[in-house]
Amino acid sequence: MSAEGYYNTLFHELAHSTGHTSRLNRKELMEHDGFGKSNYAKEELTAEMTAAYLCAVTGIGQPTIANSAAYIENWLKALKNDKSLIIMAASQAQKAADYILNI
């Protein structure tokens, strides 16, 4: 619907690509357990946070923040609001963003 939305989605999908065994080898991606299951939800949370980081780096802001926040909130609910997951996902998202940015 918008350039911002396009790049937000692209960054989300790029984040998934970093989880492959030849890249960052994220267990949540490589041990896929199906839609709505724990590993799937954790990987989605990581991908969405990576997209948020990359949007911030590229100056994409307000148009995507509400959607990202709602998406993240949805996955946290699916994971029963385990607060430690946000720390784990944030760490993995930072690694993914650094990988994408070649930092």
PDB file of N, CA and C in Angstrom:
ATOM      1  N   MET A   1       0.817  -1.205   0.000  1.00  0.00           N
ATOM      2  CA  MET A   1       0.000   0.000   0.000  1.00  0.00           C
ATOM      3  C   MET A   1       0.859   1.267   0.000  1.00  0.00           C
ATOM      4  N   SER A   2       2.120   1.148   0.503  1.00  0.00           N
ATOM      5  CA  SER A   2       3.002   2.314   0.560  1.00  0.00           C
ATOM      6  C   SER A   2       4.449   1.846   0.454  1.00  0.00           C
ATOM      7  N   ALA A   3       5.315   2.779   0.143  1.00  0.00           N
ATOM      8  CA  ALA A   3       6.740   2.445   0.086  1.00  0.00           C
ATOM      9  C   ALA A   3       7.229   1.996   1.462  1.00  0.00           C
ATOM     10  N   GLU A   4       6.771   2.665   2.514  1.00  0.00           N
ATOM     11  CA  GLU A   4       7.171   2.299   3.870  1.00  0.00           C
ATOM     12  C   GLU A   4       6.728   0.880   4.212  1.00  0.00           C
ATOM     13  N   GLY A   5       5.502   0.558   3.866  1.00  0.00           N
ATOM     14  CA  GLY A   5       4.968  -0.774   4.116  1.00  0.00           C
ATOM     15  C   GLY A   5       5.717  -1.839   3.342  1.00  0.00           C
ATOM     16  N   TYR A   6       6.066  -1.511   2.101  1.00  0.00           N
ATOM     17  CA  TYR A   6       6.835  -2.441   1.274  1.00  0.00           C
ATOM     18  C   TYR A   6       8.167  -2.767   1.935  1.00  0.00           C
ATOM     19  N   TYR A   7       8.894  -1.726   2.335  1.00  0.00           N
ATOM     20  CA  TYR A   7      10.209  -1.951   2.936  1.00  0.00           C
ATOM     21  C   TYR A   7      10.113  -2.627   4.297  1.00  0.00           C
ATOM     22  N   ASN A   8       9.097  -2.317   5.052  1.00  0.00           N
ATOM     23  CA  ASN A   8       8.896  -3.000   6.326  1.00  0.00           C
ATOM     24  C   ASN A   8       8.721  -4.504   6.096  1.00  0.00           C
ATOM     25  N   THR A   9       7.917  -4.860   5.114  1.00  0.00           N
ATOM     26  CA  THR A   9       7.707  -6.279   4.783  1.00  0.00           C
ATOM     27  C   THR A   9       8.988  -6.903   4.244  1.00  0.00           C
ATOM     28  N   LEU A  10       9.698  -6.194   3.381  1.00  0.00           N
ATOM     29  CA  LEU A  10      10.962  -6.693   2.837  1.00  0.00           C
ATOM     30  C   LEU A  10      11.961  -6.952   3.968  1.00  0.00           C
ATOM     31  N   PHE A  11      12.078  -6.023   4.898  1.00  0.00           N
ATOM     32  CA  PHE A  11      12.999  -6.194   6.018  1.00  0.00           C
ATOM     33  C   PHE A  11      12.602  -7.395   6.879  1.00  0.00           C
ATOM     34  N   HIS A  12      11.302  -7.581   7.071  1.00  0.00           N
ATOM     35  CA  HIS A  12      10.806  -8.729   7.842  1.00  0.00           C
ATOM     36  C   HIS A  12      11.242 -10.038   7.167  1.00  0.00           C
ATOM     37  N   GLU A  13      11.047 -10.119   5.869  1.00  0.00           N
ATOM     38  CA  GLU A  13      11.413 -11.333   5.135  1.00  0.00           C
ATOM     39  C   GLU A  13      12.926 -11.526   5.069  1.00  0.00           C
ATOM     40  N   LEU A  14      13.677 -10.438   4.934  1.00  0.00           N
ATOM     41  CA  LEU A  14      15.137 -10.533   4.979  1.00  0.00           C
ATOM     42  C   LEU A  14      15.589 -11.089   6.327  1.00  0.00           C
ATOM     43  N   ALA A  15      14.916 -10.674   7.384  1.00  0.00           N
ATOM     44  CA  ALA A  15      15.252 -11.169   8.721  1.00  0.00           C
ATOM     45  C   ALA A  15      15.123 -12.685   8.768  1.00  0.00           C
ATOM     46  N   HIS A  16      14.052 -13.221   8.205  1.00  0.00           N
ATOM     47  CA  HIS A  16      13.899 -14.678   8.167  1.00  0.00           C
ATOM     48  C   HIS A  16      15.084 -15.328   7.453  1.00  0.00           C
ATOM     49  N   SER A  17      15.545 -14.721   6.381  1.00  0.00           N
ATOM     50  CA  SER A  17      16.639 -15.320   5.603  1.00  0.00           C
ATOM     51  C   SER A  17      17.931 -15.421   6.408  1.00  0.00           C
ATOM     52  N   THR A  18      18.108 -14.579   7.406  1.00  0.00           N
ATOM     53  CA  THR A  18      19.342 -14.627   8.206  1.00  0.00           C
ATOM     54  C   THR A  18      19.368 -15.818   9.153  1.00  0.00           C
ATOM     55  N   GLY A  19      18.236 -16.462   9.373  1.00  0.00           N
ATOM     56  CA  GLY A  19      18.173 -17.578  10.310  1.00  0.00           C
ATOM     57  C   GLY A  19      18.661 -18.901   9.757  1.00  0.00           C
ATOM     58  N   HIS A  20      18.919 -18.969   8.466  1.00  0.00           N
ATOM     59  CA  HIS A  20      19.377 -20.214   7.830  1.00  0.00           C
ATOM     60  C   HIS A  20      20.680 -20.699   8.469  1.00  0.00           C
ATOM     61  N   THR A  21      20.899 -22.009   8.412  1.00  0.00           N
ATOM     62  CA  THR A  21      22.102 -22.596   9.025  1.00  0.00           C
ATOM     63  C   THR A  21      23.398 -22.014   8.467  1.00  0.00           C
ATOM     64  N   SER A  22      23.391 -21.559   7.234  1.00  0.00           N
ATOM     65  CA  SER A  22      24.600 -20.982   6.635  1.00  0.00           C
ATOM     66  C   SER A  22      24.810 -19.526   7.031  1.00  0.00           C
ATOM     67  N   ARG A  23      23.859 -18.980   7.811  1.00  0.00           N
ATOM     68  CA  ARG A  23      23.975 -17.583   8.243  1.00  0.00           C
ATOM     69  C   ARG A  23      24.033 -17.552   9.772  1.00  0.00           C
ATOM     70  N   LEU A  24      22.943 -17.202  10.449  1.00  0.00           N
ATOM     71  CA  LEU A  24      22.956 -17.099  11.914  1.00  0.00           C
ATOM     72  C   LEU A  24      22.430 -18.345  12.618  1.00  0.00           C
ATOM     73  N   ASN A  25      21.915 -19.286  11.846  1.00  0.00           N
ATOM     74  CA  ASN A  25      21.482 -20.596  12.371  1.00  0.00           C
ATOM     75  C   ASN A  25      20.532 -20.479  13.568  1.00  0.00           C
ATOM     76  N   ARG A  26      19.413 -19.775  13.357  1.00  0.00           N
ATOM     77  CA  ARG A  26      18.426 -19.639  14.431  1.00  0.00           C
ATOM     78  C   ARG A  26      17.597 -20.905  14.548  1.00  0.00           C
ATOM     79  N   LYS A  27      17.619 -21.475  15.731  1.00  0.00           N
ATOM     80  CA  LYS A  27      16.858 -22.697  16.021  1.00  0.00           C
ATOM     81  C   LYS A  27      15.382 -22.515  15.675  1.00  0.00           C
ATOM     82  N   GLU A  28      14.834 -21.347  16.002  1.00  0.00           N
ATOM     83  CA  GLU A  28      13.404 -21.107  15.798  1.00  0.00           C
ATOM     84  C   GLU A  28      13.013 -21.200  14.327  1.00  0.00           C
ATOM     85  N   LEU A  29      13.928 -20.867  13.439  1.00  0.00           N
ATOM     86  CA  LEU A  29      13.646 -20.976  12.000  1.00  0.00           C
ATOM     87  C   LEU A  29      13.916 -22.396  11.510  1.00  0.00           C
ATOM     88  N   MET A  30      15.042 -22.947  11.919  1.00  0.00           N
ATOM     89  CA  MET A  30      15.460 -24.243  11.385  1.00  0.00           C
ATOM     90  C   MET A  30      14.663 -25.408  11.965  1.00  0.00           C
ATOM     91  N   GLU A  31      14.078 -25.222  13.140  1.00  0.00           N
ATOM     92  CA  GLU A  31      13.232 -26.265  13.744  1.00  0.00           C
ATOM     93  C   GLU A  31      11.774 -25.810  13.714  1.00  0.00           C
ATOM     94  N   HIS A  32      11.335 -25.477  12.529  1.00  0.00           N
ATOM     95  CA  HIS A  32       9.978 -24.961  12.313  1.00  0.00           C
ATOM     96  C   HIS A  32       8.949 -25.947  12.848  1.00  0.00           C
ATOM     97  N   ASP A  33       8.004 -25.454  13.634  1.00  0.00           N
ATOM     98  CA  ASP A  33       7.007 -26.340  14.242  1.00  0.00           C
ATOM     99  C   ASP A  33       5.569 -26.029  13.832  1.00  0.00           C
ATOM    100  N   GLY A  34       5.395 -25.192  12.822  1.00  0.00           N
ATOM    101  CA  GLY A  34       4.057 -24.916  12.305  1.00  0.00           C
ATOM    102  C   GLY A  34       3.469 -23.609  12.797  1.00  0.00           C
ATOM    103  N   PHE A  35       2.556 -23.078  12.008  1.00  0.00           N
ATOM    104  CA  PHE A  35       1.932 -21.789  12.290  1.00  0.00           C
ATOM    105  C   PHE A  35       1.329 -21.754  13.691  1.00  0.00           C
ATOM    106  N   GLY A  36       1.652 -20.701  14.420  1.00  0.00           N
ATOM    107  CA  GLY A  36       1.084 -20.498  15.742  1.00  0.00           C
ATOM    108  C   GLY A  36       1.781 -21.242  16.860  1.00  0.00           C
ATOM    109  N   LYS A  37       2.709 -22.114  16.520  1.00  0.00           N
ATOM    110  CA  LYS A  37       3.442 -22.877  17.537  1.00  0.00           C
ATOM    111  C   LYS A  37       4.587 -22.024  18.091  1.00  0.00           C
ATOM    112  N   SER A  38       5.231 -22.513  19.129  1.00  0.00           N
ATOM    113  CA  SER A  38       6.233 -21.748  19.862  1.00  0.00           C
ATOM    114  C   SER A  38       7.404 -21.274  19.002  1.00  0.00           C
ATOM    115  N   ASN A  39       8.074 -22.170  18.297  1.00  0.00           N
ATOM    116  CA  ASN A  39       9.219 -21.756  17.479  1.00  0.00           C
ATOM    117  C   ASN A  39       8.800 -20.787  16.390  1.00  0.00           C
ATOM    118  N   TYR A  40       7.673 -21.050  15.773  1.00  0.00           N
ATOM    119  CA  TYR A  40       7.152 -20.169  14.726  1.00  0.00           C
ATOM    120  C   TYR A  40       6.918 -18.774  15.289  1.00  0.00           C
ATOM    121  N   ALA A  41       6.273 -18.701  16.436  1.00  0.00           N
ATOM    122  CA  ALA A  41       5.971 -17.403  17.052  1.00  0.00           C
ATOM    123  C   ALA A  41       7.252 -16.671  17.427  1.00  0.00           C
ATOM    124  N   LYS A  42       8.224 -17.381  17.961  1.00  0.00           N
ATOM    125  CA  LYS A  42       9.499 -16.754  18.329  1.00  0.00           C
ATOM    126  C   LYS A  42      10.211 -16.205  17.100  1.00  0.00           C
ATOM    127  N   GLU A  43      10.206 -16.969  16.016  1.00  0.00           N
ATOM    128  CA  GLU A  43      10.845 -16.505  14.785  1.00  0.00           C
ATOM    129  C   GLU A  43      10.123 -15.287  14.226  1.00  0.00           C
ATOM    130  N   GLU A  44       8.809 -15.278  14.273  1.00  0.00           N
ATOM    131  CA  GLU A  44       8.052 -14.120  13.796  1.00  0.00           C
ATOM    132  C   GLU A  44       8.344 -12.878  14.634  1.00  0.00           C
ATOM    133  N   LEU A  45       8.452 -13.065  15.924  1.00  0.00           N
ATOM    134  CA  LEU A  45       8.779 -11.958  16.819  1.00  0.00           C
ATOM    135  C   LEU A  45      10.159 -11.399  16.467  1.00  0.00           C
ATOM    136  N   THR A  46      11.134 -12.266  16.268  1.00  0.00           N
ATOM    137  CA  THR A  46      12.479 -11.831  15.885  1.00  0.00           C
ATOM    138  C   THR A  46      12.461 -11.103  14.550  1.00  0.00           C
ATOM    139  N   ALA A  47      11.752 -11.639  13.576  1.00  0.00           N
ATOM    140  CA  ALA A  47      11.699 -11.014  12.248  1.00  0.00           C
ATOM    141  C   ALA A  47      11.044  -9.639  12.312  1.00  0.00           C
ATOM    142  N   GLU A  48      10.005  -9.513  13.097  1.00  0.00           N
ATOM    143  CA  GLU A  48       9.324  -8.222  13.180  1.00  0.00           C
ATOM    144  C   GLU A  48      10.178  -7.193  13.903  1.00  0.00           C
ATOM    145  N   MET A  49      10.885  -7.619  14.918  1.00  0.00           N
ATOM    146  CA  MET A  49      11.773  -6.688  15.610  1.00  0.00           C
ATOM    147  C   MET A  49      12.947  -6.282  14.720  1.00  0.00           C
ATOM    148  N   THR A  50      13.455  -7.212  13.931  1.00  0.00           N
ATOM    149  CA  THR A  50      14.515  -6.883  12.975  1.00  0.00           C
ATOM    150  C   THR A  50      14.011  -5.841  11.988  1.00  0.00           C
ATOM    151  N   ALA A  51      12.808  -6.043  11.491  1.00  0.00           N
ATOM    152  CA  ALA A  51      12.221  -5.081  10.552  1.00  0.00           C
ATOM    153  C   ALA A  51      12.091  -3.700  11.199  1.00  0.00           C
ATOM    154  N   ALA A  52      11.701  -3.673  12.460  1.00  0.00           N
ATOM    155  CA  ALA A  52      11.584  -2.391  13.162  1.00  0.00           C
ATOM    156  C   ALA A  52      12.949  -1.715  13.282  1.00  0.00           C
ATOM    157  N   TYR A  53      13.992  -2.487  13.605  1.00  0.00           N
ATOM    158  CA  TYR A  53      15.343  -1.921  13.687  1.00  0.00           C
ATOM    159  C   TYR A  53      15.759  -1.348  12.337  1.00  0.00           C
ATOM    160  N   LEU A  54      15.548  -2.132  11.274  1.00  0.00           N
ATOM    161  CA  LEU A  54      15.970  -1.694   9.944  1.00  0.00           C
ATOM    162  C   LEU A  54      15.168  -0.494   9.465  1.00  0.00           C
ATOM    163  N   CYS A  55      13.901  -0.443   9.817  1.00  0.00           N
ATOM    164  CA  CYS A  55      13.103   0.740   9.482  1.00  0.00           C
ATOM    165  C   CYS A  55      13.681   1.972  10.186  1.00  0.00           C
ATOM    166  N   ALA A  56      14.074   1.813  11.435  1.00  0.00           N
ATOM    167  CA  ALA A  56      14.656   2.934  12.174  1.00  0.00           C
ATOM    168  C   ALA A  56      15.958   3.397  11.523  1.00  0.00           C
ATOM    169  N   VAL A  57      16.802   2.443  11.126  1.00  0.00           N
ATOM    170  CA  VAL A  57      18.081   2.782  10.497  1.00  0.00           C
ATOM    171  C   VAL A  57      17.869   3.530   9.191  1.00  0.00           C
ATOM    172  N   THR A  58      16.843   3.145   8.446  1.00  0.00           N
ATOM    173  CA  THR A  58      16.601   3.755   7.133  1.00  0.00           C
ATOM    174  C   THR A  58      15.682   4.968   7.195  1.00  0.00           C
ATOM    175  N   GLY A  59      15.235   5.328   8.389  1.00  0.00           N
ATOM    176  CA  GLY A  59      14.408   6.516   8.543  1.00  0.00           C
ATOM    177  C   GLY A  59      12.927   6.294   8.282  1.00  0.00           C
ATOM    178  N   ILE A  60      12.528   5.035   8.202  1.00  0.00           N
ATOM    179  CA  ILE A  60      11.106   4.722   8.036  1.00  0.00           C
ATOM    180  C   ILE A  60      10.513   4.642   9.429  1.00  0.00           C
ATOM    181  N   GLY A  61       9.524   5.466   9.690  1.00  0.00           N
ATOM    182  CA  GLY A  61       9.030   5.528  11.052  1.00  0.00           C
ATOM    183  C   GLY A  61       7.552   5.334  11.211  1.00  0.00           C
ATOM    184  N   GLN A  62       6.904   6.400  11.453  1.00  0.00           N
ATOM    185  CA  GLN A  62       5.521   6.410  11.905  1.00  0.00           C
ATOM    186  C   GLN A  62       4.553   5.515  11.134  1.00  0.00           C
ATOM    187  N   PRO A  63       4.595   5.478   9.807  1.00  0.00           N
ATOM    188  CA  PRO A  63       3.598   4.640   9.109  1.00  0.00           C
ATOM    189  C   PRO A  63       3.644   3.164   9.454  1.00  0.00           C
ATOM    190  N   THR A  64       4.788   2.663   9.896  1.00  0.00           N
ATOM    191  CA  THR A  64       4.894   1.223  10.155  1.00  0.00           C
ATOM    192  C   THR A  64       4.892   0.877  11.635  1.00  0.00           C
ATOM    193  N   ILE A  65       5.053   1.856  12.513  1.00  0.00           N
ATOM    194  CA  ILE A  65       5.177   1.576  13.943  1.00  0.00           C
ATOM    195  C   ILE A  65       3.935   0.898  14.514  1.00  0.00           C
ATOM    196  N   ALA A  66       2.760   1.398  14.198  1.00  0.00           N
ATOM    197  CA  ALA A  66       1.526   0.827  14.751  1.00  0.00           C
ATOM    198  C   ALA A  66       1.340  -0.617  14.309  1.00  0.00           C
ATOM    199  N   ASN A  67       1.603  -0.897  13.039  1.00  0.00           N
ATOM    200  CA  ASN A  67       1.465  -2.268  12.554  1.00  0.00           C
ATOM    201  C   ASN A  67       2.475  -3.193  13.214  1.00  0.00           C
ATOM    202  N   SER A  68       3.712  -2.752  13.331  1.00  0.00           N
ATOM    203  CA  SER A  68       4.738  -3.577  13.971  1.00  0.00           C
ATOM    204  C   SER A  68       4.395  -3.849  15.425  1.00  0.00           C
ATOM    205  N   ALA A  69       3.960  -2.818  16.136  1.00  0.00           N
ATOM    206  CA  ALA A  69       3.614  -2.977  17.552  1.00  0.00           C
ATOM    207  C   ALA A  69       2.470  -3.970  17.720  1.00  0.00           C
ATOM    208  N   ALA A  70       1.466  -3.894  16.859  1.00  0.00           N
ATOM    209  CA  ALA A  70       0.337  -4.818  16.940  1.00  0.00           C
ATOM    210  C   ALA A  70       0.784  -6.240  16.631  1.00  0.00           C
ATOM    211  N   TYR A  71       1.654  -6.385  15.650  1.00  0.00           N
ATOM    212  CA  TYR A  71       2.162  -7.706  15.262  1.00  0.00           C
ATOM    213  C   TYR A  71       2.954  -8.320  16.411  1.00  0.00           C
ATOM    214  N   ILE A  72       3.846  -7.522  17.006  1.00  0.00           N
ATOM    215  CA  ILE A  72       4.656  -7.996  18.127  1.00  0.00           C
ATOM    216  C   ILE A  72       3.771  -8.358  19.309  1.00  0.00           C
ATOM    217  N   GLU A  73       2.798  -7.520  19.604  1.00  0.00           N
ATOM    218  CA  GLU A  73       1.884  -7.794  20.714  1.00  0.00           C
ATOM    219  C   GLU A  73       1.131  -9.102  20.494  1.00  0.00           C
ATOM    220  N   ASN A  74       0.712  -9.347  19.268  1.00  0.00           N
ATOM    221  CA  ASN A  74      -0.002 -10.575  18.935  1.00  0.00           C
ATOM    222  C   ASN A  74       0.860 -11.804  19.219  1.00  0.00           C
ATOM    223  N   TRP A  75       2.125 -11.779  18.796  1.00  0.00           N
ATOM    224  CA  TRP A  75       2.992 -12.930  19.024  1.00  0.00           C
ATOM    225  C   TRP A  75       3.337 -13.095  20.494  1.00  0.00           C
ATOM    226  N   LEU A  76       3.480 -11.989  21.219  1.00  0.00           N
ATOM    227  CA  LEU A  76       3.726 -12.100  22.656  1.00  0.00           C
ATOM    228  C   LEU A  76       2.538 -12.763  23.355  1.00  0.00           C
ATOM    229  N   LYS A  77       1.337 -12.435  22.919  1.00  0.00           N
ATOM    230  CA  LYS A  77       0.149 -13.092  23.495  1.00  0.00           C
ATOM    231  C   LYS A  77       0.182 -14.586  23.184  1.00  0.00           C
ATOM    232  N   ALA A  78       0.567 -14.916  21.960  1.00  0.00           N
ATOM    233  CA  ALA A  78       0.633 -16.326  21.569  1.00  0.00           C
ATOM    234  C   ALA A  78       1.665 -17.073  22.413  1.00  0.00           C
ATOM    235  N   LEU A  79       2.659 -16.349  22.860  1.00  0.00           N
ATOM    236  CA  LEU A  79       3.701 -16.949  23.689  1.00  0.00           C
ATOM    237  C   LEU A  79       3.436 -16.726  25.176  1.00  0.00           C
ATOM    238  N   LYS A  80       2.197 -16.397  25.496  1.00  0.00           N
ATOM    239  CA  LYS A  80       1.726 -16.238  26.869  1.00  0.00           C
ATOM    240  C   LYS A  80       2.483 -15.150  27.625  1.00  0.00           C
ATOM    241  N   ASN A  81       2.809 -14.079  26.910  1.00  0.00           N
ATOM    242  CA  ASN A  81       3.455 -12.909  27.504  1.00  0.00           C
ATOM    243  C   ASN A  81       4.714 -13.235  28.292  1.00  0.00           C
ATOM    244  N   ASP A  82       5.468 -14.209  27.863  1.00  0.00           N
ATOM    245  CA  ASP A  82       6.749 -14.535  28.491  1.00  0.00           C
ATOM    246  C   ASP A  82       7.699 -13.365  28.239  1.00  0.00           C
ATOM    247  N   LYS A  83       7.929 -12.566  29.259  1.00  0.00           N
ATOM    248  CA  LYS A  83       8.716 -11.347  29.110  1.00  0.00           C
ATOM    249  C   LYS A  83      10.166 -11.612  28.717  1.00  0.00           C
ATOM    250  N   SER A  84      10.709 -12.785  29.046  1.00  0.00           N
ATOM    251  CA  SER A  84      12.093 -13.084  28.670  1.00  0.00           C
ATOM    252  C   SER A  84      12.229 -13.221  27.156  1.00  0.00           C
ATOM    253  N   LEU A  85      11.135 -13.545  26.489  1.00  0.00           N
ATOM    254  CA  LEU A  85      11.185 -13.703  25.033  1.00  0.00           C
ATOM    255  C   LEU A  85      11.531 -12.398  24.337  1.00  0.00           C
ATOM    256  N   ILE A  86      11.097 -11.291  24.866  1.00  0.00           N
ATOM    257  CA  ILE A  86      11.370 -10.006  24.231  1.00  0.00           C
ATOM    258  C   ILE A  86      12.873  -9.732  24.242  1.00  0.00           C
ATOM    259  N   ILE A  87      13.550 -10.134  25.322  1.00  0.00           N
ATOM    260  CA  ILE A  87      14.995  -9.957  25.398  1.00  0.00           C
ATOM    261  C   ILE A  87      15.692 -10.873  24.391  1.00  0.00           C
ATOM    262  N   MET A  88      15.274 -12.128  24.341  1.00  0.00           N
ATOM    263  CA  MET A  88      15.845 -13.078  23.393  1.00  0.00           C
ATOM    264  C   MET A  88      15.609 -12.602  21.963  1.00  0.00           C
ATOM    265  N   ALA A  89      14.392 -12.195  21.664  1.00  0.00           N
ATOM    266  CA  ALA A  89      14.068 -11.750  20.306  1.00  0.00           C
ATOM    267  C   ALA A  89      14.823 -10.474  19.957  1.00  0.00           C
ATOM    268  N   ALA A  90      14.951  -9.569  20.909  1.00  0.00           N
ATOM    269  CA  ALA A  90      15.687  -8.326  20.655  1.00  0.00           C
ATOM    270  C   ALA A  90      17.145  -8.618  20.330  1.00  0.00           C
ATOM    271  N   SER A  91      17.738  -9.541  21.055  1.00  0.00           N
ATOM    272  CA  SER A  91      19.127  -9.922  20.806  1.00  0.00           C
ATOM    273  C   SER A  91      19.284 -10.555  19.429  1.00  0.00           C
ATOM    274  N   GLN A  92      18.390 -11.485  19.110  1.00  0.00           N
ATOM    275  CA  GLN A  92      18.459 -12.131  17.798  1.00  0.00           C
ATOM    276  C   GLN A  92      18.160 -11.138  16.680  1.00  0.00           C
ATOM    277  N   ALA A  93      17.247 -10.214  16.922  1.00  0.00           N
ATOM    278  CA  ALA A  93      16.919  -9.211  15.909  1.00  0.00           C
ATOM    279  C   ALA A  93      18.107  -8.292  15.653  1.00  0.00           C
ATOM    280  N   GLN A  94      18.828  -7.937  16.710  1.00  0.00           N
ATOM    281  CA  GLN A  94      20.013  -7.091  16.526  1.00  0.00           C
ATOM    282  C   GLN A  94      21.064  -7.817  15.704  1.00  0.00           C
ATOM    283  N   LYS A  95      21.268  -9.101  15.969  1.00  0.00           N
ATOM    284  CA  LYS A  95      22.227  -9.894  15.194  1.00  0.00           C
ATOM    285  C   LYS A  95      21.795  -9.973  13.733  1.00  0.00           C
ATOM    286  N   ALA A  96      20.501 -10.157  13.504  1.00  0.00           N
ATOM    287  CA  ALA A  96      19.989 -10.231  12.131  1.00  0.00           C
ATOM    288  C   ALA A  96      20.162  -8.898  11.412  1.00  0.00           C
ATOM    289  N   ALA A  97      19.835  -7.808  12.090  1.00  0.00           N
ATOM    290  CA  ALA A  97      19.995  -6.484  11.482  1.00  0.00           C
ATOM    291  C   ALA A  97      21.468  -6.219  11.170  1.00  0.00           C
ATOM    292  N   ASP A  98      22.349  -6.556  12.099  1.00  0.00           N
ATOM    293  CA  ASP A  98      23.785  -6.375  11.851  1.00  0.00           C
ATOM    294  C   ASP A  98      24.245  -7.208  10.665  1.00  0.00           C
ATOM    295  N   TYR A  99      23.730  -8.434  10.562  1.00  0.00           N
ATOM    296  CA  TYR A  99      24.086  -9.302   9.437  1.00  0.00           C
ATOM    297  C   TYR A  99      23.631  -8.668   8.119  1.00  0.00           C
ATOM    298  N   ILE A 100      22.408  -8.206   8.088  1.00  0.00           N
ATOM    299  CA  ILE A 100      21.858  -7.596   6.864  1.00  0.00           C
ATOM    300  C   ILE A 100      22.637  -6.338   6.490  1.00  0.00           C
ATOM    301  N   LEU A 101      22.983  -5.552   7.503  1.00  0.00           N
ATOM    302  CA  LEU A 101      23.721  -4.308   7.263  1.00  0.00           C
ATOM    303  C   LEU A 101      25.227  -4.528   7.096  1.00  0.00           C
ATOM    304  N   ASN A 102      25.655  -5.791   7.264  1.00  0.00           N
ATOM    305  CA  ASN A 102      27.062  -6.163   7.131  1.00  0.00           C
ATOM    306  C   ASN A 102      27.931  -5.408   8.142  1.00  0.00           C
ATOM    307  N   ILE A 103      27.431  -5.358   9.361  1.00  0.00           N
ATOM    308  CA  ILE A 103      28.172  -4.673  10.442  1.00  0.00           C
ATOM    309  C   ILE A 103      28.987  -5.690  11.205  1.00  0.00           C
TER     310      ILE A 103
END
